C-alpha atoms as a PDB file:
ATOM      1  CA  MET A   1     121.295 114.663  70.391  1.00  0.00           C
ATOM      2  CA  SER A   2     118.256 116.868  69.703  1.00  0.00           C
ATOM      3  CA  ALA A   3     115.198 115.351  68.056  1.00  0.00           C
ATOM      4  CA  ALA A   4     111.673 116.593  67.446  1.00  0.00           C
ATOM      5  CA  ILE A   5     109.012 114.628  69.279  1.00  0.00           C
ATOM      6  CA  PRO A   6     106.205 113.509  66.937  1.00  0.00           C
ATOM      7  CA  LYS A   7     102.845 114.914  67.997  1.00  0.00           C
ATOM      8  CA  GLY A   8     100.487 112.429  69.581  1.00  0.00           C
ATOM      9  CA  ILE A   9     103.182 109.906  70.512  1.00  0.00           C
ATOM     10  CA  LEU A  10     104.968 111.262  73.569  1.00  0.00           C
ATOM     11  CA  GLY A  11     102.861 114.381  73.877  1.00  0.00           C
ATOM     12  CA  TYR A  12     105.696 116.864  74.443  1.00  0.00           C
ATOM     13  CA  ALA A  13     105.004 119.193  71.489  1.00  0.00           C
ATOM     14  CA  PRO A  14     106.065 121.970  70.985  1.00  0.00           C
ATOM     15  CA  TYR A  15     109.208 120.841  72.840  1.00  0.00           C
ATOM     16  CA  LYS A  16     112.235 118.957  71.550  1.00  0.00           C
ATOM     17  CA  LEU A  17     113.933 116.035  73.215  1.00  0.00           C
ATOM     18  CA  LYS A  18     117.311 117.101  74.557  1.00  0.00           C
ATOM     19  CA  GLN A  19     118.398 114.019  76.495  1.00  0.00           C
ATOM     20  CA  ILE A  20     117.141 110.773  78.050  1.00  0.00           C
ATOM     21  CA  SER A  21     118.976 109.097  80.906  1.00  0.00           C
ATOM     22  CA  TYR A  22     118.082 106.286  83.253  1.00  0.00           C
ATOM     23  CA  SER A  23     119.149 104.677  86.520  1.00  0.00           C
ATOM     24  CA  LYS A  24     118.835 100.936  87.071  1.00  0.00           C
ATOM     25  CA  GLU A  25     119.389 101.381  90.802  1.00  0.00           C
ATOM     26  CA  SER A  26     116.440 103.726  91.349  1.00  0.00           C
ATOM     27  CA  ILE A  27     114.468 102.414  88.335  1.00  0.00           C
ATOM     28  CA  GLU A  28     114.046 105.938  86.978  1.00  0.00           C
ATOM     29  CA  VAL A  29     113.897 107.490  83.531  1.00  0.00           C
ATOM     30  CA  ASN A  30     114.838 111.166  83.246  1.00  0.00           C
ATOM     31  CA  VAL A  31     113.700 113.098  80.196  1.00  0.00           C
ATOM     32  CA  GLU A  32     115.099 116.561  79.409  1.00  0.00           C
ATOM     33  CA  LEU A  33     113.208 118.839  77.023  1.00  0.00           C
ATOM     34  CA  GLU A  34     114.074 122.147  75.414  1.00  0.00           C
ATOM     35  CA  ARG A  35     111.823 124.663  73.715  1.00  0.00           C
ATOM     36  CA  ASP A  36     111.407 124.610  69.985  1.00  0.00           C
ATOM     37  CA  SER A  37     112.287 128.176  68.975  1.00  0.00           C
ATOM     38  CA  ARG A  38     109.909 127.972  66.033  1.00  0.00           C
ATOM     39  CA  HIS A  39     106.961 128.314  68.426  1.00  0.00           C
ATOM     40  CA  ASN A  40     105.830 131.531  70.085  1.00  0.00           C
ATOM     41  CA  HIS A  41     105.833 132.122  73.829  1.00  0.00           C
ATOM     42  CA  LEU A  42     102.258 132.224  75.137  1.00  0.00           C
ATOM     43  CA  CYS A  43     100.889 133.620  78.398  1.00  0.00           C
ATOM     44  CA  SER A  44      99.564 130.842  80.665  1.00  0.00           C
ATOM     45  CA  VAL A  45      96.615 133.050  81.731  1.00  0.00           C
ATOM     46  CA  CYS A  46      95.197 134.504  78.502  1.00  0.00           C
ATOM     47  CA  ASN A  47      97.044 132.258  76.018  1.00  0.00           C
ATOM     48  CA  GLN A  48      98.134 135.287  73.983  1.00  0.00           C
ATOM     49  CA  LYS A  49     101.583 135.903  72.506  1.00  0.00           C
ATOM     50  CA  ALA A  50     104.089 137.269  75.046  1.00  0.00           C
ATOM     51  CA  SER A  51     107.734 138.356  75.210  1.00  0.00           C
ATOM     52  CA  PRO A  52     110.276 136.074  76.946  1.00  0.00           C
ATOM     53  CA  GLU A  53     111.925 137.579  80.044  1.00  0.00           C
ATOM     54  CA  ARG A  54     113.835 134.943  81.992  1.00  0.00           C
ATOM     55  CA  ARG A  55     114.735 131.322  81.273  1.00  0.00           C
ATOM     56  CA  LYS A  56     113.834 128.751  83.952  1.00  0.00           C
ATOM     57  CA  GLU A  57     113.742 124.967  84.433  1.00  0.00           C
ATOM     58  CA  ARG A  58     111.248 122.704  86.119  1.00  0.00           C
ATOM     59  CA  THR A  59     111.074 118.961  86.801  1.00  0.00           C
ATOM     60  CA  VAL A  60     107.729 117.172  87.034  1.00  0.00           C
ATOM     61  CA  LYS A  61     106.665 113.569  87.372  1.00  0.00           C
ATOM     62  CA  ASP A  62     105.263 111.772  84.324  1.00  0.00           C
ATOM     63  CA  LEU A  63     103.427 108.504  83.710  1.00  0.00           C
ATOM     64  CA  LEU A  64     105.273 105.274  84.416  1.00  0.00           C
ATOM     65  CA  PHE A  65     107.339 104.075  81.441  1.00  0.00           C
ATOM     66  CA  HIS A  66     107.206 100.261  81.346  1.00  0.00           C
ATOM     67  CA  GLY A  67     107.086 100.266  85.160  1.00  0.00           C
ATOM     68  CA  TRP A  68     109.906 102.808  85.512  1.00  0.00           C
ATOM     69  CA  LYS A  69     109.329 106.095  87.330  1.00  0.00           C
ATOM     70  CA  THR A  70     109.602 108.931  84.816  1.00  0.00           C
ATOM     71  CA  PHE A  71     110.674 112.514  85.489  1.00  0.00           C
ATOM     72  CA  THR A  72     110.509 115.239  82.851  1.00  0.00           C
ATOM     73  CA  LYS A  73     112.736 118.327  83.016  1.00  0.00           C
ATOM     74  CA  VAL A  74     111.316 121.252  81.053  1.00  0.00           C
ATOM     75  CA  GLU A  75     112.955 124.463  79.880  1.00  0.00           C
ATOM     76  CA  TYR A  76     110.491 127.371  79.957  1.00  0.00           C
ATOM     77  CA  TYR A  77     110.341 131.155  80.344  1.00  0.00           C
ATOM     78  CA  GLU A  78     108.793 133.823  82.463  1.00  0.00           C
ATOM     79  CA  VAL A  79     107.070 136.079  79.944  1.00  0.00           C
ATOM     80  CA  ARG A  80     105.772 139.636  79.799  1.00  0.00           C
ATOM     81  CA  CYS A  81     102.161 139.705  78.667  1.00  0.00           C
ATOM     82  CA  LYS A  82     100.566 142.988  77.528  1.00  0.00           C
ATOM     83  CA  GLN A  83      97.349 142.085  79.338  1.00  0.00           C
ATOM     84  CA  CYS A  84      98.513 140.053  82.369  1.00  0.00           C
ATOM     85  CA  GLY A  85     102.000 141.376  83.120  1.00  0.00           C
ATOM     86  CA  ILE A  86     104.792 138.989  84.169  1.00  0.00           C
ATOM     87  CA  ARG A  87     103.560 135.407  83.983  1.00  0.00           C
ATOM     88  CA  VAL A  88     104.855 131.889  83.391  1.00  0.00           C
ATOM     89  CA  GLU A  89     104.547 130.819  79.789  1.00  0.00           C
ATOM     90  CA  HIS A  90     101.978 128.254  78.737  1.00  0.00           C
ATOM     91  CA  ILE A  91     103.230 124.637  78.733  1.00  0.00           C
ATOM     92  CA  PRO A  92     100.635 122.469  76.926  1.00  0.00           C
ATOM     93  CA  PHE A  93     101.233 119.296  78.931  1.00  0.00           C
ATOM     94  CA  ILE A  94     101.701 120.795  82.444  1.00  0.00           C
ATOM     95  CA  ARG A  95      99.289 122.914  84.475  1.00  0.00           C
ATOM     96  CA  PRO A  96     100.737 126.059  86.138  1.00  0.00           C
ATOM     97  CA  CYS A  97     102.392 125.175  89.493  1.00  0.00           C
ATOM     98  CA  ALA A  98     101.626 121.450  89.007  1.00  0.00           C
ATOM     99  CA  ARG A  99     104.119 118.783  90.082  1.00  0.00           C
ATOM    100  CA  ALA A 100     103.002 116.265  87.468  1.00  0.00           C
ATOM    101  CA  THR A 101     102.158 116.197  83.775  1.00  0.00           C
ATOM    102  CA  LYS A 102      98.528 116.512  82.745  1.00  0.00           C
ATOM    103  CA  ARG A 103      98.388 112.897  81.590  1.00  0.00           C
ATOM    104  CA  LEU A 104      99.673 111.657  84.952  1.00  0.00           C
ATOM    105  CA  GLU A 105      97.103 113.837  86.720  1.00  0.00           C
ATOM    106  CA  GLU A 106      94.355 112.431  84.496  1.00  0.00           C
ATOM    107  CA  ALA A 107      95.442 108.868  85.317  1.00  0.00           C
ATOM    108  CA  VAL A 108      95.545 109.687  89.041  1.00  0.00           C
ATOM    109  CA  ALA A 109      92.108 111.350  88.934  1.00  0.00           C
ATOM    110  CA  TRP A 110      90.599 108.367  87.111  1.00  0.00           C
ATOM    111  CA  LEU A 111      92.016 105.847  89.597  1.00  0.00           C
ATOM    112  CA  CYS A 112      90.808 107.978  92.528  1.00  0.00           C
ATOM    113  CA  GLN A 113      87.255 107.248  91.357  1.00  0.00           C
ATOM    114  CA  HIS A 114      87.848 103.532  91.934  1.00  0.00           C
ATOM    115  CA  LEU A 115      90.516 103.214  94.661  1.00  0.00           C
ATOM    116  CA  PRO A 116      91.396 104.875  97.985  1.00  0.00           C
ATOM    117  CA  LEU A 117      93.771 107.833  97.682  1.00  0.00           C
ATOM    118  CA  THR A 118      96.408 105.994  99.741  1.00  0.00           C
ATOM    119  CA  VAL A 119      96.484 103.110  97.238  1.00  0.00           C
ATOM    120  CA  VAL A 120      96.739 105.508  94.287  1.00  0.00           C
ATOM    121  CA  ALA A 121      99.611 107.351  95.987  1.00  0.00           C
ATOM    122  CA  LEU A 122     101.496 104.087  96.518  1.00  0.00           C
ATOM    123  CA  TYR A 123     100.940 102.935  92.940  1.00  0.00           C
ATOM    124  CA  PHE A 124     102.331 106.122  91.405  1.00  0.00           C
ATOM    125  CA  SER A 125     104.928 106.710  94.180  1.00  0.00           C
ATOM    126  CA  LEU A 126     103.354 110.092  94.906  1.00  0.00           C
ATOM    127  CA  ASN A 127     102.838 111.929  98.172  1.00  0.00           C
ATOM    128  CA  TRP A 128      99.317 111.438  99.548  1.00  0.00           C
ATOM    129  CA  LYS A 129      98.751 115.215  99.610  1.00  0.00           C
ATOM    130  CA  THR A 130      99.746 115.462  95.946  1.00  0.00           C
ATOM    131  CA  VAL A 131      97.165 112.815  95.039  1.00  0.00           C
ATOM    132  CA  LYS A 132      94.564 114.547  97.200  1.00  0.00           C
ATOM    133  CA  ASN A 133      95.215 117.885  95.482  1.00  0.00           C
ATOM    134  CA  ILE A 134      94.987 116.309  92.023  1.00  0.00           C
ATOM    135  CA  ASP A 135      91.711 114.607  92.932  1.00  0.00           C
ATOM    136  CA  LYS A 136      90.379 117.829  94.465  1.00  0.00           C
ATOM    137  CA  ALA A 137      91.258 119.862  91.352  1.00  0.00           C
ATOM    138  CA  TYR A 138      89.571 117.257  89.142  1.00  0.00           C
ATOM    139  CA  LEU A 139      86.401 117.266  91.257  1.00  0.00           C
ATOM    140  CA  GLU A 140      86.296 121.074  91.354  1.00  0.00           C
ATOM    141  CA  HIS A 141      86.564 121.124  87.572  1.00  0.00           C
ATOM    142  CA  ARG A 142      83.892 118.463  87.147  1.00  0.00           C
ATOM    143  CA  PHE A 143      81.420 119.602  89.792  1.00  0.00           C
ATOM    144  CA  GLU A 144      80.227 123.015  90.897  1.00  0.00           C
ATOM    145  CA  ALA A 145      81.169 124.107  94.393  1.00  0.00           C
ATOM    146  CA  PRO A 146      78.220 123.560  96.765  1.00  0.00           C
ATOM    147  CA  GLY A 147      76.326 126.736  97.614  1.00  0.00           C
ATOM    148  CA  LEU A 148      76.251 127.875 101.230  1.00  0.00           C
ATOM    149  CA  ASP A 149      73.540 130.558 101.069  1.00  0.00           C
ATOM    150  CA  ASN A 150      70.441 128.523 101.952  1.00  0.00           C
ATOM    151  CA  ILE A 151      71.901 126.213 104.596  1.00  0.00           C
ATOM    152  CA  THR A 152      69.930 126.067 107.862  1.00  0.00           C
ATOM    153  CA  VAL A 153      70.521 122.532 109.177  1.00  0.00           C
ATOM    154  CA  ILE A 154      73.949 120.898 109.058  1.00  0.00           C
ATOM    155  CA  GLY A 155      75.642 117.718 110.256  1.00  0.00           C
ATOM    156  CA  ILE A 156      79.275 117.402 111.313  1.00  0.00           C
ATOM    157  CA  ASP A 157      81.096 114.086 111.488  1.00  0.00           C
ATOM    158  CA  GLU A 158      84.601 112.681 111.405  1.00  0.00           C
ATOM    159  CA  VAL A 159      85.967 109.938 109.186  1.00  0.00           C
ATOM    160  CA  SER A 160      89.290 108.168 109.581  1.00  0.00           C
ATOM    161  CA  TYR A 161      91.845 107.206 106.959  1.00  0.00           C
ATOM    162  CA  ARG A 162      95.266 105.558 106.986  1.00  0.00           C
ATOM    163  CA  LYS A 163      94.002 102.816 109.315  1.00  0.00           C
ATOM    164  CA  GLY A 164      92.455 105.256 111.763  1.00  0.00           C
ATOM    165  CA  HIS A 165      95.594 107.302 112.428  1.00  0.00           C
ATOM    166  CA  LYS A 166      94.372 110.380 110.526  1.00  0.00           C
ATOM    167  CA  TYR A 167      90.986 112.096 110.514  1.00  0.00           C
ATOM    168  CA  LEU A 168      88.865 114.296 108.269  1.00  0.00           C
ATOM    169  CA  THR A 169      86.044 116.547 109.438  1.00  0.00           C
ATOM    170  CA  CYS A 170      83.035 116.413 107.092  1.00  0.00           C
ATOM    171  CA  VAL A 171      80.178 118.934 107.020  1.00  0.00           C
ATOM    172  CA  PHE A 172      76.834 118.034 105.435  1.00  0.00           C
ATOM    173  CA  ASP A 173      73.807 120.067 104.387  1.00  0.00           C
ATOM    174  CA  LEU A 174      70.978 118.047 105.944  1.00  0.00           C
ATOM    175  CA  ASN A 175      68.107 119.923 104.273  1.00  0.00           C
ATOM    176  CA  ASP A 176      69.096 118.359 100.963  1.00  0.00           C
ATOM    177  CA  PRO A 177      71.574 115.761 102.244  1.00  0.00           C
ATOM    178  CA  HIS A 178      74.963 116.169 100.574  1.00  0.00           C
ATOM    179  CA  LEU A 179      78.567 116.836 101.526  1.00  0.00           C
ATOM    180  CA  ILE A 180      79.523 120.533 101.465  1.00  0.00           C
ATOM    181  CA  TRP A 181      82.967 120.711 103.103  1.00  0.00           C
ATOM    182  CA  VAL A 182      85.921 118.518 104.160  1.00  0.00           C
ATOM    183  CA  GLY A 183      88.899 119.528 106.329  1.00  0.00           C
ATOM    184  CA  LEU A 184      91.980 117.764 107.710  1.00  0.00           C
ATOM    185  CA  GLY A 185      91.780 117.003 111.442  1.00  0.00           C
ATOM    186  CA  LYS A 186      88.939 116.689 113.927  1.00  0.00           C
ATOM    187  CA  ASN A 187      89.394 119.613 116.297  1.00  0.00           C
ATOM    188  CA  LYS A 188      87.896 123.048 116.887  1.00  0.00           C
ATOM    189  CA  GLU A 189      90.532 124.703 114.700  1.00  0.00           C
ATOM    190  CA  THR A 190      89.606 122.470 111.755  1.00  0.00           C
ATOM    191  CA  LEU A 191      85.921 123.315 112.124  1.00  0.00           C
ATOM    192  CA  SER A 192      86.656 127.043 112.385  1.00  0.00           C
ATOM    193  CA  LYS A 193      87.962 126.962 108.794  1.00  0.00           C
ATOM    194  CA  PHE A 194      84.514 125.911 107.582  1.00  0.00           C
ATOM    195  CA  PHE A 195      82.755 128.635 109.546  1.00  0.00           C
ATOM    196  CA  GLU A 196      85.206 131.235 108.219  1.00  0.00           C
ATOM    197  CA  GLN A 197      84.117 130.193 104.740  1.00  0.00           C
ATOM    198  CA  LEU A 198      80.449 130.190 105.782  1.00  0.00           C
ATOM    199  CA  GLY A 199      80.624 133.705 107.247  1.00  0.00           C
ATOM    200  CA  LYS A 200      78.977 135.261 110.312  1.00  0.00           C
ATOM    201  CA  GLU A 201      75.644 136.160 108.721  1.00  0.00           C
ATOM    202  CA  ARG A 202      75.050 132.700 107.268  1.00  0.00           C
ATOM    203  CA  GLY A 203      76.198 131.173 110.571  1.00  0.00           C
ATOM    204  CA  LYS A 204      73.442 133.059 112.390  1.00  0.00           C
ATOM    205  CA  ARG A 205      70.862 131.402 110.109  1.00  0.00           C
ATOM    206  CA  ILE A 206      71.863 127.870 111.139  1.00  0.00           C
ATOM    207  CA  LYS A 207      68.982 126.404 113.184  1.00  0.00           C
ATOM    208  CA  ALA A 208      70.350 122.974 114.131  1.00  0.00           C
ATOM    209  CA  VAL A 209      73.642 121.073 114.029  1.00  0.00           C
ATOM    210  CA  ALA A 210      73.865 117.272 114.299  1.00  0.00           C
ATOM    211  CA  ILE A 211      77.136 116.231 115.975  1.00  0.00           C
ATOM    212  CA  ASP A 212      78.516 113.649 118.359  1.00  0.00           C
ATOM    213  CA  MET A 213      79.407 114.517 121.962  1.00  0.00           C
ATOM    214  CA  SER A 214      82.927 115.653 121.078  1.00  0.00           C
ATOM    215  CA  LYS A 215      83.847 118.693 123.157  1.00  0.00           C
ATOM    216  CA  ALA A 216      85.884 120.089 120.256  1.00  0.00           C
ATOM    217  CA  TYR A 217      82.907 120.047 117.881  1.00  0.00           C
ATOM    218  CA  ILE A 218      80.469 121.418 120.468  1.00  0.00           C
ATOM    219  CA  GLU A 219      82.780 124.328 121.320  1.00  0.00           C
ATOM    220  CA  GLY A 220      83.486 124.862 117.632  1.00  0.00           C
ATOM    221  CA  VAL A 221      79.774 125.348 116.848  1.00  0.00           C
ATOM    222  CA  LYS A 222      78.567 127.575 119.705  1.00  0.00           C
ATOM    223  CA  GLU A 223      80.136 130.887 118.665  1.00  0.00           C
ATOM    224  CA  PRO A 224      79.669 130.827 114.860  1.00  0.00           C
ATOM    225  CA  CYS A 225      76.109 129.407 115.146  1.00  0.00           C
ATOM    226  CA  PRO A 226      74.648 131.302 118.136  1.00  0.00           C
ATOM    227  CA  HIS A 227      71.026 130.390 117.357  1.00  0.00           C
ATOM    228  CA  ALA A 228      71.571 126.710 116.512  1.00  0.00           C
ATOM    229  CA  LEU A 229      70.349 123.775 118.570  1.00  0.00           C
ATOM    230  CA  ILE A 230      72.977 121.102 119.189  1.00  0.00           C
ATOM    231  CA  VAL A 231      71.533 117.692 118.265  1.00  0.00           C
ATOM    232  CA  HIS A 232      73.149 114.450 119.446  1.00  0.00           C
ATOM    233  CA  ASP A 233      71.585 111.889 117.154  1.00  0.00           C
ATOM    234  CA  LYS A 234      70.705 108.270 117.798  1.00  0.00           C
ATOM    235  CA  PHE A 235      73.419 106.987 115.454  1.00  0.00           C
ATOM    236  CA  HIS A 236      76.293 108.459 117.473  1.00  0.00           C
ATOM    237  CA  LEU A 237      74.729 107.581 120.813  1.00  0.00           C
ATOM    238  CA  VAL A 238      74.374 103.931 119.806  1.00  0.00           C
ATOM    239  CA  GLN A 239      78.020 103.979 118.693  1.00  0.00           C
ATOM    240  CA  ASP A 240      79.064 105.297 122.112  1.00  0.00           C
ATOM    241  CA  PHE A 241      76.953 102.718 123.929  1.00  0.00           C
ATOM    242  CA  ASN A 242      78.471  99.921 121.831  1.00  0.00           C
ATOM    243  CA  LYS A 243      81.873 100.925 123.221  1.00  0.00           C
ATOM    244  CA  VAL A 244      80.430 100.647 126.733  1.00  0.00           C
ATOM    245  CA  MET A 245      79.135  97.162 125.931  1.00  0.00           C
ATOM    246  CA  ASP A 246      82.577  96.105 124.762  1.00  0.00           C
ATOM    247  CA  ARG A 247      84.254  97.395 127.934  1.00  0.00           C
ATOM    248  CA  ILE A 248      81.778  95.433 130.055  1.00  0.00           C
ATOM    249  CA  ARG A 249      82.351  92.335 127.897  1.00  0.00           C
ATOM    250  CA  ILE A 250      86.126  92.586 128.401  1.00  0.00           C
ATOM    251  CA  ASP A 251      85.749  93.088 132.163  1.00  0.00           C
ATOM    252  CA  GLU A 252      83.416  90.111 132.492  1.00  0.00           C
ATOM    253  CA  PHE A 253      85.687  87.903 130.391  1.00  0.00           C
ATOM    254  CA  LYS A 254      88.599  88.653 132.717  1.00  0.00           C
ATOM    255  CA  LYS A 255      86.497  87.791 135.782  1.00  0.00           C
ATOM    256  CA  ALA A 256      84.922  84.632 134.332  1.00  0.00           C
ATOM    257  CA  ASP A 257      85.993  81.143 135.378  1.00  0.00           C
ATOM    258  CA  GLU A 258      87.957  79.192 132.782  1.00  0.00           C
ATOM    259  CA  GLU A 259      84.993  76.934 132.033  1.00  0.00           C
ATOM    260  CA  TYR A 260      82.927  79.971 130.944  1.00  0.00           C
ATOM    261  CA  LYS A 261      85.540  81.960 128.997  1.00  0.00           C
ATOM    262  CA  GLY A 262      84.718  80.075 125.803  1.00  0.00           C
ATOM    263  CA  PHE A 263      81.229  81.620 125.759  1.00  0.00           C
ATOM    264  CA  PHE A 264      82.794  85.078 125.278  1.00  0.00           C
ATOM    265  CA  LYS A 265      84.754  84.217 122.136  1.00  0.00           C
ATOM    266  CA  ARG A 266      83.604  85.941 118.925  1.00  0.00           C
ATOM    267  CA  THR A 267      80.759  87.742 120.685  1.00  0.00           C
ATOM    268  CA  LYS A 268      81.909  91.371 120.329  1.00  0.00           C
ATOM    269  CA  TRP A 269      79.717  92.024 117.307  1.00  0.00           C
ATOM    270  CA  LEU A 270      76.870  89.795 118.482  1.00  0.00           C
ATOM    271  CA  LEU A 271      76.319  92.160 121.407  1.00  0.00           C
ATOM    272  CA  VAL A 272      75.994  95.272 119.249  1.00  0.00           C
ATOM    273  CA  MET A 273      74.341  93.995 116.065  1.00  0.00           C
ATOM    274  CA  ASN A 274      70.649  94.404 115.345  1.00  0.00           C
ATOM    275  CA  PRO A 275      69.179  91.128 116.703  1.00  0.00           C
ATOM    276  CA  LEU A 276      66.937  90.893 113.626  1.00  0.00           C
ATOM    277  CA  ARG A 277      70.047  90.527 111.450  1.00  0.00           C
ATOM    278  CA  LEU A 278      71.583  87.681 113.459  1.00  0.00           C
ATOM    279  CA  LYS A 279      71.635  84.179 112.005  1.00  0.00           C
ATOM    280  CA  GLU A 280      70.398  81.246 114.078  1.00  0.00           C
ATOM    281  CA  ASP A 281      73.899  80.310 115.232  1.00  0.00           C
ATOM    282  CA  GLY A 282      74.548  83.891 116.330  1.00  0.00           C
ATOM    283  CA  LYS A 283      71.240  84.100 118.181  1.00  0.00           C
ATOM    284  CA  MET A 284      72.024  80.873 120.036  1.00  0.00           C
ATOM    285  CA  ARG A 285      75.537  81.982 121.101  1.00  0.00           C
ATOM    286  CA  LEU A 286      74.250  85.392 122.196  1.00  0.00           C
ATOM    287  CA  SER A 287      71.484  83.777 124.245  1.00  0.00           C
ATOM    288  CA  GLN A 288      73.967  81.424 125.937  1.00  0.00           C
ATOM    289  CA  LEU A 289      76.269  84.315 126.869  1.00  0.00           C
ATOM    290  CA  LEU A 290      73.463  86.458 128.282  1.00  0.00           C
ATOM    291  CA  ASN A 291      72.119  83.510 130.285  1.00  0.00           C
ATOM    292  CA  ILE A 292      75.437  82.861 132.049  1.00  0.00           C
ATOM    293  CA  ASN A 293      76.428  86.505 132.659  1.00  0.00           C
ATOM    294  CA  MET A 294      73.999  88.831 134.414  1.00  0.00           C
ATOM    295  CA  PRO A 295      76.009  92.099 134.008  1.00  0.00           C
ATOM    296  CA  LEU A 296      76.119  91.625 130.230  1.00  0.00           C
ATOM    297  CA  ASN A 297      72.441  90.672 130.240  1.00  0.00           C
ATOM    298  CA  THR A 298      71.600  93.872 132.101  1.00  0.00           C
ATOM    299  CA  ALA A 299      73.738  96.042 129.813  1.00  0.00           C
ATOM    300  CA  TYR A 300      72.297  94.418 126.685  1.00  0.00           C
ATOM    301  CA  THR A 301      68.733  94.979 127.885  1.00  0.00           C
ATOM    302  CA  LEU A 302      69.445  98.614 128.732  1.00  0.00           C
ATOM    303  CA  GLY A 303      71.060  99.079 125.325  1.00  0.00           C
ATOM    304  CA  GLU A 304      67.908  97.908 123.546  1.00  0.00           C
ATOM    305  CA  GLN A 305      65.780 100.147 125.767  1.00  0.00           C
ATOM    306  CA  LEU A 306      68.029 103.138 125.064  1.00  0.00           C
ATOM    307  CA  LYS A 307      67.309 102.878 121.329  1.00  0.00           C
ATOM    308  CA  GLN A 308      63.580 103.066 122.064  1.00  0.00           C
ATOM    309  CA  ARG A 309      63.979 106.466 123.757  1.00  0.00           C
ATOM    310  CA  TRP A 310      64.226 108.036 120.287  1.00  0.00           C
ATOM    311  CA  GLU A 311      60.637 107.015 119.600  1.00  0.00           C
ATOM    312  CA  CYS A 312      59.461 109.721 122.033  1.00  0.00           C
ATOM    313  CA  VAL A 313      57.544 112.495 120.271  1.00  0.00           C
ATOM    314  CA  THR A 314      57.811 115.369 122.755  1.00  0.00           C
ATOM    315  CA  VAL A 315      60.664 116.807 124.808  1.00  0.00           C
ATOM    316  CA  ALA A 316      58.766 116.074 128.035  1.00  0.00           C
ATOM    317  CA  GLN A 317      58.338 112.405 127.067  1.00  0.00           C
ATOM    318  CA  PHE A 318      61.994 112.129 126.156  1.00  0.00           C
ATOM    319  CA  ASN A 319      63.250 113.689 129.395  1.00  0.00           C
ATOM    320  CA  LYS A 320      61.050 111.388 131.473  1.00  0.00           C
ATOM    321  CA  ALA A 321      62.206 108.320 129.521  1.00  0.00           C
ATOM    322  CA  LEU A 322      65.843 109.418 129.828  1.00  0.00           C
ATOM    323  CA  ASP A 323      65.544 109.864 133.606  1.00  0.00           C
ATOM    324  CA  ASN A 324      64.018 106.393 133.926  1.00  0.00           C
ATOM    325  CA  TRP A 325      66.829 104.887 131.858  1.00  0.00           C
ATOM    326  CA  CYS A 326      69.540 106.617 133.891  1.00  0.00           C
ATOM    327  CA  GLU A 327      67.922 105.413 137.122  1.00  0.00           C
ATOM    328  CA  MET A 328      68.058 101.805 135.867  1.00  0.00           C
ATOM    329  CA  ALA A 329      71.699 102.311 134.857  1.00  0.00           C
ATOM    330  CA  TYR A 330      72.570 103.516 138.367  1.00  0.00           C
ATOM    331  CA  GLU A 331      70.681 100.600 139.924  1.00  0.00           C
ATOM    332  CA  SER A 332      72.746  98.147 137.841  1.00  0.00           C
ATOM    333  CA  ASN A 333      75.806  99.167 139.882  1.00  0.00           C
ATOM    334  CA  LEU A 334      77.951  98.684 136.749  1.00  0.00           C
ATOM    335  CA  LYS A 335      80.556 101.444 136.593  1.00  0.00           C
ATOM    336  CA  HIS A 336      80.605 101.756 132.798  1.00  0.00           C
ATOM    337  CA  LEU A 337      76.807 102.078 132.663  1.00  0.00           C
ATOM    338  CA  MET A 338      76.781 104.599 135.494  1.00  0.00           C
ATOM    339  CA  ASP A 339      79.464 106.699 133.771  1.00  0.00           C
ATOM    340  CA  PHE A 340      77.463 106.565 130.550  1.00  0.00           C
ATOM    341  CA  ALA A 341      74.344 107.743 132.387  1.00  0.00           C
ATOM    342  CA  ASP A 342      76.345 110.660 133.826  1.00  0.00           C
ATOM    343  CA  MET A 343      77.431 111.608 130.302  1.00  0.00           C
ATOM    344  CA  LEU A 344      73.833 111.510 129.045  1.00  0.00           C
ATOM    345  CA  LYS A 345      72.748 113.910 131.763  1.00  0.00           C
ATOM    346  CA  VAL A 346      75.559 116.328 130.917  1.00  0.00           C
ATOM    347  CA  HIS A 347      74.444 116.351 127.265  1.00  0.00           C
ATOM    348  CA  ARG A 348      70.696 116.227 127.987  1.00  0.00           C
ATOM    349  CA  SER A 349      69.814 119.331 125.943  1.00  0.00           C
ATOM    350  CA  GLY A 350      71.534 117.928 122.868  1.00  0.00           C
ATOM    351  CA  LEU A 351      69.600 114.679 123.293  1.00  0.00           C
ATOM    352  CA  TRP A 352      66.086 116.098 123.641  1.00  0.00           C
ATOM    353  CA  SER A 353      66.805 118.423 120.688  1.00  0.00           C
ATOM    354  CA  TYR A 354      66.391 115.323 118.525  1.00  0.00           C
ATOM    355  CA  CYS A 355      62.639 115.525 119.206  1.00  0.00           C
ATOM    356  CA  LEU A 356      62.589 118.939 117.514  1.00  0.00           C
ATOM    357  CA  TYR A 357      65.097 118.132 114.768  1.00  0.00           C
ATOM    358  CA  PRO A 358      65.215 114.368 114.024  1.00  0.00           C
ATOM    359  CA  ILE A 359      68.447 114.643 112.038  1.00  0.00           C
ATOM    360  CA  ASN A 360      71.617 112.576 111.897  1.00  0.00           C
ATOM    361  CA  THR A 361      74.854 112.187 109.945  1.00  0.00           C
ATOM    362  CA  ALA A 362      74.575 108.417 109.383  1.00  0.00           C
END
């Protein structure tokens, strides 16, 4: 039975309700709408009156109805506009090509300001990419796209989502620190999409790029930024060394006698935290562990000394300090430290570049 929908209640004007059905098994409500012939067809581009050409149907997701998933089926027309040609007619409550009603998109966009996208997707039973696209469209509408013309120093970093199984590549303008680009993945191909957007001429003006020691990122920067210095910042280097510390901790735990294994429990973060932030109990347990295990003591000491290398002012000072550190690492005869020293030597130029451009993505 057809019935006009009162304006402001269900928000379907100028459409009429054709049918409502529901399924208890799937907990779904299905709403079918038909056009009210009393209203003109309008072009979705210029919003001017247009002539109907071909009837079509479309189903989109709507807001939850008392906890039930709601789908709305809409009758609409392709129209011929005098100014724009063949277009889809304007539907007041659905954006062109959208998979959800405007009110659902508004609810999704609002929640995305307060919750992770994955949580929002689960709550509304939407695909993560759909939520991402809604959030992206909202942000693009609310904020201007960042300009790329005056960028000379950038930072590139990866962030994980979905419990570390997926990655995003983030690019920052480090002159006036802010995010300027995000892409799915963490490989050279992902990064190339940013540089395609940046363009060759602007790429030539990049003077320095702060990145970790990822081969994919290094290779992805060299060609589009031929004049840029690669900078491996202190933040990423400390992260890499913390992984070395943990490998040594695990090795030493396995080799320790049973009577000493208890000293290793709950010490992973004690070994990598800033000692100034440790509480008295943490300081005591760390001291006990370092006193009974010389390899960990050596690695911990070298880790603290490594951080001090970034206090060097000149490239010459840094290179000398780095050589001294690597020599101590080799003398320790600890494989993980020796491998780390080898890696530092391979990336030496990116390390001393920090003296010229003290930048980071932290």
